Amino acid sequence: LYAKEHPIQRKLNWRPISFYKQILELPNVTLIHPEVTN
């Protein structure tokens, strides 16, 4: 599973780092940078 952060989330302030860490710890999941295009 590729889960990608929404690029507009930056304008609303990024989510807490703990949010991203929880996703990064999940097996079979890769967190994708918001610069990668939809």
PDB file of all heavy atoms in Angstrom:
ATOM      1  N   LEU A   1       0.849  -1.187   0.000  1.00  0.00           N
ATOM      2  CA  LEU A   1       0.000   0.000   0.000  1.00  0.00           C
ATOM      3  C   LEU A   1       0.884   1.236   0.000  1.00  0.00           C
ATOM      4  O   LEU A   1       1.764   1.380   0.850  1.00  0.00           O
ATOM      5  CB  LEU A   1      -0.912   0.019   1.222  1.00  0.00           C
ATOM      6  CG  LEU A   1      -1.851   1.218   1.329  1.00  0.00           C
ATOM      7  CD1 LEU A   1      -2.843   1.247   0.167  1.00  0.00           C
ATOM      8  CD2 LEU A   1      -2.592   1.204   2.660  1.00  0.00           C
ATOM      9  N   TYR A   2       0.664   2.113  -0.968  1.00  0.00           N
ATOM     10  CA  TYR A   2       1.306   3.418  -0.992  1.00  0.00           C
ATOM     11  C   TYR A   2       0.282   4.435  -0.494  1.00  0.00           C
ATOM     12  O   TYR A   2      -0.742   4.652  -1.137  1.00  0.00           O
ATOM     13  CB  TYR A   2       1.737   3.801  -2.406  1.00  0.00           C
ATOM     14  CG  TYR A   2       3.033   3.211  -2.895  1.00  0.00           C
ATOM     15  CD1 TYR A   2       3.742   2.266  -2.174  1.00  0.00           C
ATOM     16  CD2 TYR A   2       3.559   3.612  -4.114  1.00  0.00           C
ATOM     17  CE1 TYR A   2       4.938   1.743  -2.642  1.00  0.00           C
ATOM     18  CE2 TYR A   2       4.755   3.093  -4.587  1.00  0.00           C
ATOM     19  CZ  TYR A   2       5.436   2.159  -3.846  1.00  0.00           C
ATOM     20  OH  TYR A   2       6.615   1.646  -4.315  1.00  0.00           O
ATOM     21  N   ALA A   3       0.562   5.040   0.641  1.00  0.00           N
ATOM     22  CA  ALA A   3      -0.283   6.100   1.190  1.00  0.00           C
ATOM     23  C   ALA A   3       0.458   7.414   0.988  1.00  0.00           C
ATOM     24  O   ALA A   3       1.623   7.537   1.379  1.00  0.00           O
ATOM     25  CB  ALA A   3      -0.550   5.863   2.670  1.00  0.00           C
ATOM     26  N   LYS A   4      -0.210   8.374   0.353  1.00  0.00           N
ATOM     27  CA  LYS A   4       0.461   9.634   0.017  1.00  0.00           C
ATOM     28  C   LYS A   4      -0.149  10.801   0.779  1.00  0.00           C
ATOM     29  O   LYS A   4      -1.363  10.972   0.802  1.00  0.00           O
ATOM     30  CB  LYS A   4       0.346   9.906  -1.486  1.00  0.00           C
ATOM     31  CG  LYS A   4       1.021  11.203  -1.879  1.00  0.00           C
ATOM     32  CD  LYS A   4       0.672  11.604  -3.298  1.00  0.00           C
ATOM     33  CE  LYS A   4       1.121  13.026  -3.496  1.00  0.00           C
ATOM     34  NZ  LYS A   4       0.208  13.847  -4.172  1.00  0.00           N
ATOM     35  N   GLU A   5       0.717  11.600   1.371  1.00  0.00           N
ATOM     36  CA  GLU A   5       0.260  12.803   2.052  1.00  0.00           C
ATOM     37  C   GLU A   5      -0.273  13.797   1.028  1.00  0.00           C
ATOM     38  O   GLU A   5       0.265  13.921  -0.073  1.00  0.00           O
ATOM     39  CB  GLU A   5       1.399  13.431   2.865  1.00  0.00           C
ATOM     40  CG  GLU A   5       1.053  14.742   3.551  1.00  0.00           C
ATOM     41  CD  GLU A   5      -0.127  14.663   4.497  1.00  0.00           C
ATOM     42  OE1 GLU A   5      -1.284  14.607   4.017  1.00  0.00           O
ATOM     43  OE2 GLU A   5       0.102  14.686   5.715  1.00  0.00           O
ATOM     44  N   HIS A   6      -1.331  14.476   1.393  1.00  0.00           N
ATOM     45  CA  HIS A   6      -1.944  15.480   0.527  1.00  0.00           C
ATOM     46  C   HIS A   6      -1.067  16.736   0.516  1.00  0.00           C
ATOM     47  O   HIS A   6      -0.720  17.262   1.571  1.00  0.00           O
ATOM     48  CB  HIS A   6      -3.338  15.820   1.033  1.00  0.00           C
ATOM     49  CG  HIS A   6      -4.209  16.470   0.027  1.00  0.00           C
ATOM     50  ND1 HIS A   6      -3.947  17.719  -0.475  1.00  0.00           N
ATOM     51  CD2 HIS A   6      -5.330  16.042  -0.582  1.00  0.00           C
ATOM     52  CE1 HIS A   6      -4.885  18.046  -1.343  1.00  0.00           C
ATOM     53  NE2 HIS A   6      -5.739  17.035  -1.437  1.00  0.00           N
ATOM     54  N   PRO A   7      -0.699  17.237  -0.663  1.00  0.00           N
ATOM     55  CA  PRO A   7       0.207  18.400  -0.705  1.00  0.00           C
ATOM     56  C   PRO A   7      -0.380  19.663  -0.086  1.00  0.00           C
ATOM     57  O   PRO A   7       0.364  20.503   0.423  1.00  0.00           O
ATOM     58  CB  PRO A   7       0.482  18.598  -2.198  1.00  0.00           C
ATOM     59  CG  PRO A   7      -0.532  17.810  -2.918  1.00  0.00           C
ATOM     60  CD  PRO A   7      -1.022  16.739  -1.997  1.00  0.00           C
ATOM     61  N   ILE A   8      -1.691  19.794  -0.083  1.00  0.00           N
ATOM     62  CA  ILE A   8      -2.317  20.994   0.497  1.00  0.00           C
ATOM     63  C   ILE A   8      -2.310  20.949   2.029  1.00  0.00           C
ATOM     64  O   ILE A   8      -2.513  21.965   2.683  1.00  0.00           O
ATOM     65  CB  ILE A   8      -3.767  21.169  -0.043  1.00  0.00           C
ATOM     66  CG1 ILE A   8      -3.766  21.230  -1.568  1.00  0.00           C
ATOM     67  CG2 ILE A   8      -4.430  22.415   0.518  1.00  0.00           C
ATOM     68  CD1 ILE A   8      -2.994  22.394  -2.153  1.00  0.00           C
ATOM     69  N   GLN A   9      -2.050  19.769   2.600  1.00  0.00           N
ATOM     70  CA  GLN A   9      -1.994  19.671   4.061  1.00  0.00           C
ATOM     71  C   GLN A   9      -0.964  20.642   4.634  1.00  0.00           C
ATOM     72  O   GLN A   9      -1.108  21.130   5.743  1.00  0.00           O
ATOM     73  CB  GLN A   9      -1.682  18.235   4.493  1.00  0.00           C
ATOM     74  CG  GLN A   9      -1.842  17.987   5.976  1.00  0.00           C
ATOM     75  CD  GLN A   9      -3.267  18.115   6.463  1.00  0.00           C
ATOM     76  OE1 GLN A   9      -4.190  17.622   5.846  1.00  0.00           O
ATOM     77  NE2 GLN A   9      -3.451  18.791   7.591  1.00  0.00           N
ATOM     78  N   ARG A  10       0.047  20.980   3.835  1.00  0.00           N
ATOM     79  CA  ARG A  10       1.067  21.945   4.267  1.00  0.00           C
ATOM     80  C   ARG A  10       0.430  23.280   4.671  1.00  0.00           C
ATOM     81  O   ARG A  10       0.798  23.874   5.667  1.00  0.00           O
ATOM     82  CB  ARG A  10       2.061  22.179   3.139  1.00  0.00           C
ATOM     83  CG  ARG A  10       2.991  23.364   3.365  1.00  0.00           C
ATOM     84  CD  ARG A  10       3.862  23.582   2.173  1.00  0.00           C
ATOM     85  NE  ARG A  10       4.798  22.471   2.146  1.00  0.00           N
ATOM     86  CZ  ARG A  10       6.051  22.562   1.742  1.00  0.00           C
ATOM     87  NH1 ARG A  10       6.514  23.693   1.283  1.00  0.00           N
ATOM     88  NH2 ARG A  10       6.839  21.534   1.775  1.00  0.00           N
ATOM     89  N   LYS A  11      -0.547  23.736   3.878  1.00  0.00           N
ATOM     90  CA  LYS A  11      -1.192  25.027   4.166  1.00  0.00           C
ATOM     91  C   LYS A  11      -2.023  24.980   5.447  1.00  0.00           C
ATOM     92  O   LYS A  11      -2.282  25.998   6.061  1.00  0.00           O
ATOM     93  CB  LYS A  11      -2.064  25.438   2.987  1.00  0.00           C
ATOM     94  CG  LYS A  11      -1.253  25.758   1.738  1.00  0.00           C
ATOM     95  CD  LYS A  11      -2.153  26.292   0.648  1.00  0.00           C
ATOM     96  CE  LYS A  11      -1.495  26.431  -0.665  1.00  0.00           C
ATOM     97  NZ  LYS A  11      -0.428  27.355  -0.807  1.00  0.00           N
ATOM     98  N   LEU A  12      -2.482  23.775   5.814  1.00  0.00           N
ATOM     99  CA  LEU A  12      -3.271  23.605   7.038  1.00  0.00           C
ATOM    100  C   LEU A  12      -2.388  23.200   8.217  1.00  0.00           C
ATOM    101  O   LEU A  12      -2.894  22.862   9.274  1.00  0.00           O
ATOM    102  CB  LEU A  12      -4.348  22.537   6.819  1.00  0.00           C
ATOM    103  CG  LEU A  12      -5.339  22.822   5.689  1.00  0.00           C
ATOM    104  CD1 LEU A  12      -6.250  21.625   5.477  1.00  0.00           C
ATOM    105  CD2 LEU A  12      -6.155  24.061   5.994  1.00  0.00           C
ATOM    106  N   ASN A  13      -1.099  23.203   7.999  1.00  0.00           N
ATOM    107  CA  ASN A  13      -0.080  22.700   8.921  1.00  0.00           C
ATOM    108  C   ASN A  13      -0.004  21.194   8.769  1.00  0.00           C
ATOM    109  O   ASN A  13      -1.025  20.516   8.712  1.00  0.00           O
ATOM    110  CB  ASN A  13      -0.331  23.091  10.376  1.00  0.00           C
ATOM    111  CG  ASN A  13      -0.172  24.566  10.592  1.00  0.00           C
ATOM    112  OD1 ASN A  13       0.703  25.194  10.004  1.00  0.00           O
ATOM    113  ND2 ASN A  13      -1.029  25.131  11.432  1.00  0.00           N
ATOM    114  N   TRP A  14       1.203  20.696   8.675  1.00  0.00           N
ATOM    115  CA  TRP A  14       1.394  19.253   8.552  1.00  0.00           C
ATOM    116  C   TRP A  14       0.796  18.557   9.766  1.00  0.00           C
ATOM    117  O   TRP A  14       0.638  19.149  10.831  1.00  0.00           O
ATOM    118  CB  TRP A  14       2.876  18.915   8.456  1.00  0.00           C
ATOM    119  CG  TRP A  14       3.553  19.417   7.218  1.00  0.00           C
ATOM    120  CD1 TRP A  14       4.573  20.314   7.157  1.00  0.00           C
ATOM    121  CD2 TRP A  14       3.274  19.059   5.860  1.00  0.00           C
ATOM    122  NE1 TRP A  14       4.952  20.522   5.855  1.00  0.00           N
ATOM    123  CE2 TRP A  14       4.161  19.761   5.030  1.00  0.00           C
ATOM    124  CE3 TRP A  14       2.360  18.203   5.253  1.00  0.00           C
ATOM    125  CZ2 TRP A  14       4.175  19.650   3.642  1.00  0.00           C
ATOM    126  CZ3 TRP A  14       2.364  18.087   3.866  1.00  0.00           C
ATOM    127  CH2 TRP A  14       3.261  18.807   3.085  1.00  0.00           C
ATOM    128  N   ARG A  15       0.486  17.320   9.613  1.00  0.00           N
ATOM    129  CA  ARG A  15      -0.016  16.529  10.740  1.00  0.00           C
ATOM    130  C   ARG A  15       1.127  16.327  11.740  1.00  0.00           C
ATOM    131  O   ARG A  15       2.298  16.493  11.399  1.00  0.00           O
ATOM    132  CB  ARG A  15      -0.504  15.172  10.221  1.00  0.00           C
ATOM    133  CG  ARG A  15      -1.626  15.290   9.207  1.00  0.00           C
ATOM    134  CD  ARG A  15      -1.843  13.934   8.536  1.00  0.00           C
ATOM    135  NE  ARG A  15      -2.216  14.086   7.146  1.00  0.00           N
ATOM    136  CZ  ARG A  15      -3.458  14.042   6.687  1.00  0.00           C
ATOM    137  NH1 ARG A  15      -4.460  13.856   7.510  1.00  0.00           N
ATOM    138  NH2 ARG A  15      -3.697  14.183   5.403  1.00  0.00           N
ATOM    139  N   PRO A  16       0.796  15.922  12.945  1.00  0.00           N
ATOM    140  CA  PRO A  16       1.868  15.665  13.923  1.00  0.00           C
ATOM    141  C   PRO A  16       2.807  14.555  13.422  1.00  0.00           C
ATOM    142  O   PRO A  16       2.365  13.617  12.750  1.00  0.00           O
ATOM    143  CB  PRO A  16       1.117  15.206  15.173  1.00  0.00           C
ATOM    144  CG  PRO A  16      -0.298  15.634  14.981  1.00  0.00           C
ATOM    145  CD  PRO A  16      -0.539  15.722  13.512  1.00  0.00           C
ATOM    146  N   ILE A  17       4.061  14.651  13.772  1.00  0.00           N
ATOM    147  CA  ILE A  17       5.038  13.640  13.364  1.00  0.00           C
ATOM    148  C   ILE A  17       4.596  12.253  13.837  1.00  0.00           C
ATOM    149  O   ILE A  17       4.812  11.256  13.151  1.00  0.00           O
ATOM    150  CB  ILE A  17       6.446  14.001  13.871  1.00  0.00           C
ATOM    151  CG1 ILE A  17       6.957  15.224  13.098  1.00  0.00           C
ATOM    152  CG2 ILE A  17       7.409  12.830  13.743  1.00  0.00           C
ATOM    153  CD1 ILE A  17       8.277  15.779  13.600  1.00  0.00           C
ATOM    154  N   SER A  18       3.946  12.196  14.978  1.00  0.00           N
ATOM    155  CA  SER A  18       3.472  10.907  15.503  1.00  0.00           C
ATOM    156  C   SER A  18       2.502  10.227  14.527  1.00  0.00           C
ATOM    157  O   SER A  18       2.478   8.998  14.426  1.00  0.00           O
ATOM    158  CB  SER A  18       2.804  11.085  16.864  1.00  0.00           C
ATOM    159  OG  SER A  18       1.684  11.947  16.752  1.00  0.00           O
ATOM    160  N   PHE A  19       1.723  11.003  13.782  1.00  0.00           N
ATOM    161  CA  PHE A  19       0.807  10.459  12.774  1.00  0.00           C
ATOM    162  C   PHE A  19       1.608   9.723  11.698  1.00  0.00           C
ATOM    163  O   PHE A  19       1.316   8.577  11.353  1.00  0.00           O
ATOM    164  CB  PHE A  19      -0.011  11.600  12.152  1.00  0.00           C
ATOM    165  CG  PHE A  19      -0.941  11.185  11.060  1.00  0.00           C
ATOM    166  CD1 PHE A  19      -2.243  10.799  11.343  1.00  0.00           C
ATOM    167  CD2 PHE A  19      -0.531  11.189   9.728  1.00  0.00           C
ATOM    168  CE1 PHE A  19      -3.113  10.415  10.331  1.00  0.00           C
ATOM    169  CE2 PHE A  19      -1.383  10.810   8.710  1.00  0.00           C
ATOM    170  CZ  PHE A  19      -2.686  10.427   9.017  1.00  0.00           C
ATOM    171  N   TYR A  20       2.628  10.379  11.177  1.00  0.00           N
ATOM    172  CA  TYR A  20       3.462   9.772  10.132  1.00  0.00           C
ATOM    173  C   TYR A  20       4.224   8.560  10.664  1.00  0.00           C
ATOM    174  O   TYR A  20       4.359   7.549   9.968  1.00  0.00           O
ATOM    175  CB  TYR A  20       4.434  10.799   9.548  1.00  0.00           C
ATOM    176  CG  TYR A  20       3.735  12.003   8.956  1.00  0.00           C
ATOM    177  CD1 TYR A  20       3.923  13.270   9.492  1.00  0.00           C
ATOM    178  CD2 TYR A  20       2.882  11.880   7.861  1.00  0.00           C
ATOM    179  CE1 TYR A  20       3.282  14.375   8.962  1.00  0.00           C
ATOM    180  CE2 TYR A  20       2.238  12.984   7.323  1.00  0.00           C
ATOM    181  CZ  TYR A  20       2.441  14.225   7.877  1.00  0.00           C
ATOM    182  OH  TYR A  20       1.801  15.319   7.338  1.00  0.00           O
ATOM    183  N   LYS A  21       4.717   8.642  11.885  1.00  0.00           N
ATOM    184  CA  LYS A  21       5.459   7.524  12.474  1.00  0.00           C
ATOM    185  C   LYS A  21       4.576   6.286  12.599  1.00  0.00           C
ATOM    186  O   LYS A  21       5.044   5.166  12.348  1.00  0.00           O
ATOM    187  CB  LYS A  21       6.036   7.910  13.839  1.00  0.00           C
ATOM    188  CG  LYS A  21       7.248   8.800  13.746  1.00  0.00           C
ATOM    189  CD  LYS A  21       7.802   9.094  15.128  1.00  0.00           C
ATOM    190  CE  LYS A  21       9.072   9.910  15.038  1.00  0.00           C
ATOM    191  NZ  LYS A  21       9.624  10.203  16.377  1.00  0.00           N
ATOM    192  N   GLN A  22       3.310   6.486  12.972  1.00  0.00           N
ATOM    193  CA  GLN A  22       2.401   5.345  13.080  1.00  0.00           C
ATOM    194  C   GLN A  22       2.228   4.648  11.732  1.00  0.00           C
ATOM    195  O   GLN A  22       2.199   3.421  11.661  1.00  0.00           O
ATOM    196  CB  GLN A  22       1.030   5.792  13.589  1.00  0.00           C
ATOM    197  CG  GLN A  22       0.988   6.116  15.050  1.00  0.00           C
ATOM    198  CD  GLN A  22      -0.405   6.532  15.469  1.00  0.00           C
ATOM    199  OE1 GLN A  22      -1.330   5.734  15.414  1.00  0.00           O
ATOM    200  NE2 GLN A  22      -0.555   7.787  15.862  1.00  0.00           N
ATOM    201  N   ILE A  23       2.132   5.420  10.673  1.00  0.00           N
ATOM    202  CA  ILE A  23       1.981   4.834   9.335  1.00  0.00           C
ATOM    203  C   ILE A  23       3.272   4.152   8.911  1.00  0.00           C
ATOM    204  O   ILE A  23       3.250   3.041   8.370  1.00  0.00           O
ATOM    205  CB  ILE A  23       1.543   5.903   8.311  1.00  0.00           C
ATOM    206  CG1 ILE A  23       0.143   6.417   8.653  1.00  0.00           C
ATOM    207  CG2 ILE A  23       1.563   5.325   6.889  1.00  0.00           C
ATOM    208  CD1 ILE A  23      -0.321   7.590   7.823  1.00  0.00           C
ATOM    209  N   LEU A  24       4.404   4.792   9.158  1.00  0.00           N
ATOM    210  CA  LEU A  24       5.696   4.217   8.773  1.00  0.00           C
ATOM    211  C   LEU A  24       5.975   2.889   9.478  1.00  0.00           C
ATOM    212  O   LEU A  24       6.707   2.053   8.948  1.00  0.00           O
ATOM    213  CB  LEU A  24       6.827   5.210   9.058  1.00  0.00           C
ATOM    214  CG  LEU A  24       6.884   6.422   8.133  1.00  0.00           C
ATOM    215  CD1 LEU A  24       7.843   7.473   8.680  1.00  0.00           C
ATOM    216  CD2 LEU A  24       7.267   6.012   6.718  1.00  0.00           C
ATOM    217  N   GLU A  25       5.400   2.690  10.646  1.00  0.00           N
ATOM    218  CA  GLU A  25       5.608   1.456  11.397  1.00  0.00           C
ATOM    219  C   GLU A  25       4.738   0.301  10.905  1.00  0.00           C
ATOM    220  O   GLU A  25       4.974  -0.848  11.288  1.00  0.00           O
ATOM    221  CB  GLU A  25       5.347   1.699  12.890  1.00  0.00           C
ATOM    222  CG  GLU A  25       6.398   2.587  13.535  1.00  0.00           C
ATOM    223  CD  GLU A  25       6.049   2.994  14.956  1.00  0.00           C
ATOM    224  OE1 GLU A  25       4.972   2.581  15.470  1.00  0.00           O
ATOM    225  OE2 GLU A  25       6.843   3.738  15.554  1.00  0.00           O
ATOM    226  N   LEU A  26       3.760   0.592  10.071  1.00  0.00           N
ATOM    227  CA  LEU A  26       2.848  -0.456   9.607  1.00  0.00           C
ATOM    228  C   LEU A  26       3.526  -1.355   8.577  1.00  0.00           C
ATOM    229  O   LEU A  26       4.181  -0.863   7.657  1.00  0.00           O
ATOM    230  CB  LEU A  26       1.598   0.167   8.989  1.00  0.00           C
ATOM    231  CG  LEU A  26       0.700   0.972   9.921  1.00  0.00           C
ATOM    232  CD1 LEU A  26      -0.399   1.663   9.132  1.00  0.00           C
ATOM    233  CD2 LEU A  26       0.102   0.065  10.990  1.00  0.00           C
ATOM    234  N   PRO A  27       3.364  -2.662   8.727  1.00  0.00           N
ATOM    235  CA  PRO A  27       3.916  -3.552   7.705  1.00  0.00           C
ATOM    236  C   PRO A  27       3.145  -3.396   6.396  1.00  0.00           C
ATOM    237  O   PRO A  27       1.939  -3.149   6.402  1.00  0.00           O
ATOM    238  CB  PRO A  27       3.722  -4.953   8.301  1.00  0.00           C
ATOM    239  CG  PRO A  27       2.667  -4.798   9.333  1.00  0.00           C
ATOM    240  CD  PRO A  27       2.708  -3.369   9.799  1.00  0.00           C
ATOM    241  N   ASN A  28       3.849  -3.522   5.298  1.00  0.00           N
ATOM    242  CA  ASN A  28       3.222  -3.518   3.972  1.00  0.00           C
ATOM    243  C   ASN A  28       2.713  -2.146   3.541  1.00  0.00           C
ATOM    244  O   ASN A  28       1.904  -2.044   2.623  1.00  0.00           O
ATOM    245  CB  ASN A  28       2.086  -4.550   3.928  1.00  0.00           C
ATOM    246  CG  ASN A  28       1.886  -5.123   2.567  1.00  0.00           C
ATOM    247  OD1 ASN A  28       2.813  -5.221   1.781  1.00  0.00           O
ATOM    248  ND2 ASN A  28       0.659  -5.488   2.265  1.00  0.00           N
ATOM    249  N   VAL A  29       3.138  -1.074   4.232  1.00  0.00           N
ATOM    250  CA  VAL A  29       2.693   0.280   3.896  1.00  0.00           C
ATOM    251  C   VAL A  29       3.916   1.163   3.684  1.00  0.00           C
ATOM    252  O   VAL A  29       4.852   1.152   4.483  1.00  0.00           O
ATOM    253  CB  VAL A  29       1.807   0.894   5.006  1.00  0.00           C
ATOM    254  CG1 VAL A  29       1.400   2.314   4.659  1.00  0.00           C
ATOM    255  CG2 VAL A  29       0.585   0.026   5.264  1.00  0.00           C
ATOM    256  N   THR A  30       3.892   1.941   2.594  1.00  0.00           N
ATOM    257  CA  THR A  30       4.937   2.911   2.306  1.00  0.00           C
ATOM    258  C   THR A  30       4.294   4.282   2.245  1.00  0.00           C
ATOM    259  O   THR A  30       3.267   4.456   1.584  1.00  0.00           O
ATOM    260  CB  THR A  30       5.620   2.597   0.956  1.00  0.00           C
ATOM    261  OG1 THR A  30       6.175   1.281   1.025  1.00  0.00           O
ATOM    262  CG2 THR A  30       6.714   3.594   0.646  1.00  0.00           C
ATOM    263  N   LEU A  31       4.868   5.228   2.943  1.00  0.00           N
ATOM    264  CA  LEU A  31       4.349   6.595   2.954  1.00  0.00           C
ATOM    265  C   LEU A  31       5.068   7.389   1.870  1.00  0.00           C
ATOM    266  O   LEU A  31       6.300   7.419   1.810  1.00  0.00           O
ATOM    267  CB  LEU A  31       4.573   7.211   4.334  1.00  0.00           C
ATOM    268  CG  LEU A  31       3.750   8.415   4.734  1.00  0.00           C
ATOM    269  CD1 LEU A  31       2.264   8.239   4.486  1.00  0.00           C
ATOM    270  CD2 LEU A  31       3.982   8.731   6.209  1.00  0.00           C
ATOM    271  N   ILE A  32       4.277   8.017   1.001  1.00  0.00           N
ATOM    272  CA  ILE A  32       4.795   8.696  -0.176  1.00  0.00           C
ATOM    273  C   ILE A  32       4.824  10.212   0.059  1.00  0.00           C
ATOM    274  O   ILE A  32       3.876  10.794   0.592  1.00  0.00           O
ATOM    275  CB  ILE A  32       3.931   8.381  -1.420  1.00  0.00           C
ATOM    276  CG1 ILE A  32       3.855   6.861  -1.648  1.00  0.00           C
ATOM    277  CG2 ILE A  32       4.444   9.095  -2.659  1.00  0.00           C
ATOM    278  CD1 ILE A  32       5.165   6.202  -1.984  1.00  0.00           C
ATOM    279  N   HIS A  33       5.885  10.827  -0.377  1.00  0.00           N
ATOM    280  CA  HIS A  33       6.085  12.271  -0.254  1.00  0.00           C
ATOM    281  C   HIS A  33       5.021  13.022  -1.068  1.00  0.00           C
ATOM    282  O   HIS A  33       4.660  12.589  -2.163  1.00  0.00           O
ATOM    283  CB  HIS A  33       7.488  12.627  -0.756  1.00  0.00           C
ATOM    284  CG  HIS A  33       7.948  13.972  -0.346  1.00  0.00           C
ATOM    285  ND1 HIS A  33       7.527  15.130  -0.968  1.00  0.00           N
ATOM    286  CD2 HIS A  33       8.798  14.345   0.643  1.00  0.00           C
ATOM    287  CE1 HIS A  33       8.107  16.161  -0.381  1.00  0.00           C
ATOM    288  NE2 HIS A  33       8.882  15.720   0.594  1.00  0.00           N
ATOM    289  N   PRO A  34       4.544  14.157  -0.575  1.00  0.00           N
ATOM    290  CA  PRO A  34       3.509  14.908  -1.290  1.00  0.00           C
ATOM    291  C   PRO A  34       3.952  15.467  -2.634  1.00  0.00           C
ATOM    292  O   PRO A  34       3.108  15.841  -3.454  1.00  0.00           O
ATOM    293  CB  PRO A  34       3.125  16.028  -0.320  1.00  0.00           C
ATOM    294  CG  PRO A  34       4.193  16.088   0.690  1.00  0.00           C
ATOM    295  CD  PRO A  34       4.846  14.747   0.728  1.00  0.00           C
ATOM    296  N   GLU A  35       5.246  15.514  -2.913  1.00  0.00           N
ATOM    297  CA  GLU A  35       5.717  16.018  -4.209  1.00  0.00           C
ATOM    298  C   GLU A  35       5.506  15.016  -5.344  1.00  0.00           C
ATOM    299  O   GLU A  35       5.505  15.396  -6.506  1.00  0.00           O
ATOM    300  CB  GLU A  35       7.203  16.389  -4.127  1.00  0.00           C
ATOM    301  CG  GLU A  35       7.461  17.620  -3.286  1.00  0.00           C
ATOM    302  CD  GLU A  35       8.940  17.947  -3.162  1.00  0.00           C
ATOM    303  OE1 GLU A  35       9.787  17.167  -3.672  1.00  0.00           O
ATOM    304  OE2 GLU A  35       9.255  18.970  -2.538  1.00  0.00           O
ATOM    305  N   VAL A  36       5.338  13.741  -5.005  1.00  0.00           N
ATOM    306  CA  VAL A  36       5.051  12.736  -6.039  1.00  0.00           C
ATOM    307  C   VAL A  36       3.630  13.008  -6.524  1.00  0.00           C
ATOM    308  O   VAL A  36       2.712  13.171  -5.723  1.00  0.00           O
ATOM    309  CB  VAL A  36       5.175  11.304  -5.481  1.00  0.00           C
ATOM    310  CG1 VAL A  36       4.838  10.278  -6.557  1.00  0.00           C
ATOM    311  CG2 VAL A  36       6.563  11.064  -4.913  1.00  0.00           C
ATOM    312  N   THR A  37       3.445  13.075  -7.834  1.00  0.00           N
ATOM    313  CA  THR A  37       2.137  13.472  -8.354  1.00  0.00           C
ATOM    314  C   THR A  37       1.119  12.345  -8.266  1.00  0.00           C
ATOM    315  O   THR A  37       1.463  11.162  -8.360  1.00  0.00           O
ATOM    316  CB  THR A  37       2.231  13.933  -9.823  1.00  0.00           C
ATOM    317  OG1 THR A  37       2.584  12.809 -10.639  1.00  0.00           O
ATOM    318  CG2 THR A  37       3.239  15.066  -9.989  1.00  0.00           C
ATOM    319  N   ASN A  38      -0.130  12.747  -8.099  1.00  0.00           N
ATOM    320  CA  ASN A  38      -1.225  11.782  -8.122  1.00  0.00           C
ATOM    321  C   ASN A  38      -1.264  11.073  -9.469  1.00  0.00           C
ATOM    322  O   ASN A  38      -1.559   9.881  -9.539  1.00  0.00           O
ATOM    323  CB  ASN A  38      -2.563  12.474  -7.862  1.00  0.00           C
ATOM    324  CG  ASN A  38      -2.702  12.925  -6.431  1.00  0.00           C
ATOM    325  OD1 ASN A  38      -2.103  12.358  -5.531  1.00  0.00           O
ATOM    326  ND2 ASN A  38      -3.480  13.955  -6.217  1.00  0.00           N
TER     327      ASN A  38
END
